[in-house]
Each structure stands twice: as C-alpha cells, then as structure tokens.
Amino acid sequence: MFNLRLGQLSPMLFQILPEVNSLKKTIIAIINGERKGWDYFTSS
C-alpha cells in the first residue's frame, strides 16, 4: 500500500524538485546579496 502511494507521488516529486531547486537558488542569492549589502554598510 505504501509502495503504491510512493509510486503515485514520484511523478509529482519530479515536477516539484526543479521548482524547489530554483527557489533554493533564489533564497541563497538573496542571502548572499544581503550579506554583501551588510558588508558594504559595515565597511563604510
């Protein structure tokens, strides 16, 4: 029963994964950007 559910979820997971990865990249970019911003403010 669990295997059946997993089999149904797999296609959805493969559709979601790219979106999650791009979201992660976006978050990392924002965090990096904010860090650079803080470095800029603290250095000046």
C-alpha atoms as a PDB file:
ATOM      1  CA  MET A   1       0.000   0.000   0.000  1.00  0.00           C
ATOM      2  CA  PHE A   2       2.787   2.420   0.916  1.00  0.00           C
ATOM      3  CA  ASN A   3       4.700   1.482  -2.245  1.00  0.00           C
ATOM      4  CA  LEU A   4       1.614   2.259  -4.307  1.00  0.00           C
ATOM      5  CA  ARG A   5       1.340   5.719  -2.732  1.00  0.00           C
ATOM      6  CA  LEU A   6       5.048   6.321  -3.245  1.00  0.00           C
ATOM      7  CA  GLY A   7       4.676   5.355  -6.895  1.00  0.00           C
ATOM      8  CA  GLN A   8       1.888   7.904  -7.297  1.00  0.00           C
ATOM      9  CA  LEU A   9       3.891  10.610  -5.505  1.00  0.00           C
ATOM     10  CA  SER A  10       7.109  10.127  -7.502  1.00  0.00           C
ATOM     11  CA  PRO A  11       5.919  11.963 -10.654  1.00  0.00           C
ATOM     12  CA  MET A  12       4.721  14.863  -8.506  1.00  0.00           C
ATOM     13  CA  LEU A  13       8.055  14.970  -6.709  1.00  0.00           C
ATOM     14  CA  PHE A  14       9.939  15.126 -10.002  1.00  0.00           C
ATOM     15  CA  GLN A  15       7.739  18.056 -11.049  1.00  0.00           C
ATOM     16  CA  ILE A  16       8.255  19.870  -7.733  1.00  0.00           C
ATOM     17  CA  LEU A  17      12.030  19.301  -7.429  1.00  0.00           C
ATOM     18  CA  PRO A  18      13.130  21.794 -10.135  1.00  0.00           C
ATOM     19  CA  GLU A  19      10.900  24.450  -8.572  1.00  0.00           C
ATOM     20  CA  VAL A  20      12.359  23.748  -5.132  1.00  0.00           C
ATOM     21  CA  ASN A  21      15.898  23.967  -6.532  1.00  0.00           C
ATOM     22  CA  SER A  22      15.236  27.311  -8.237  1.00  0.00           C
ATOM     23  CA  LEU A  23      13.604  28.561  -5.037  1.00  0.00           C
ATOM     24  CA  LYS A  24      16.690  27.490  -3.075  1.00  0.00           C
ATOM     25  CA  LYS A  25      18.933  29.321  -5.563  1.00  0.00           C
ATOM     26  CA  THR A  26      16.772  32.423  -5.220  1.00  0.00           C
ATOM     27  CA  ILE A  27      16.919  32.296  -1.413  1.00  0.00           C
ATOM     28  CA  ILE A  28      20.694  31.754  -1.468  1.00  0.00           C
ATOM     29  CA  ALA A  29      21.093  34.659  -3.890  1.00  0.00           C
ATOM     30  CA  ILE A  30      19.012  36.901  -1.618  1.00  0.00           C
ATOM     31  CA  ILE A  31      21.005  35.854   1.459  1.00  0.00           C
ATOM     32  CA  ASN A  32      24.304  36.405  -0.377  1.00  0.00           C
ATOM     33  CA  GLY A  33      23.080  39.769  -1.629  1.00  0.00           C
ATOM     34  CA  GLU A  34      22.076  40.828   1.863  1.00  0.00           C
ATOM     35  CA  ARG A  35      25.443  39.740   3.236  1.00  0.00           C
ATOM     36  CA  LYS A  36      27.195  41.817   0.580  1.00  0.00           C
ATOM     37  CA  GLY A  37      24.904  44.695   1.458  1.00  0.00           C
ATOM     38  CA  TRP A  38      25.776  44.399   5.145  1.00  0.00           C
ATOM     39  CA  ASP A  39      29.489  44.158   4.337  1.00  0.00           C
ATOM     40  CA  TYR A  40      29.117  47.320   2.297  1.00  0.00           C
ATOM     41  CA  PHE A  41      27.345  49.138   5.134  1.00  0.00           C
ATOM     42  CA  THR A  42      29.710  47.956   7.872  1.00  0.00           C
ATOM     43  CA  SER A  43      32.867  48.723   5.884  1.00  0.00           C
ATOM     44  CA  SER A  44      31.863  52.310   5.062  1.00  0.00           C
END
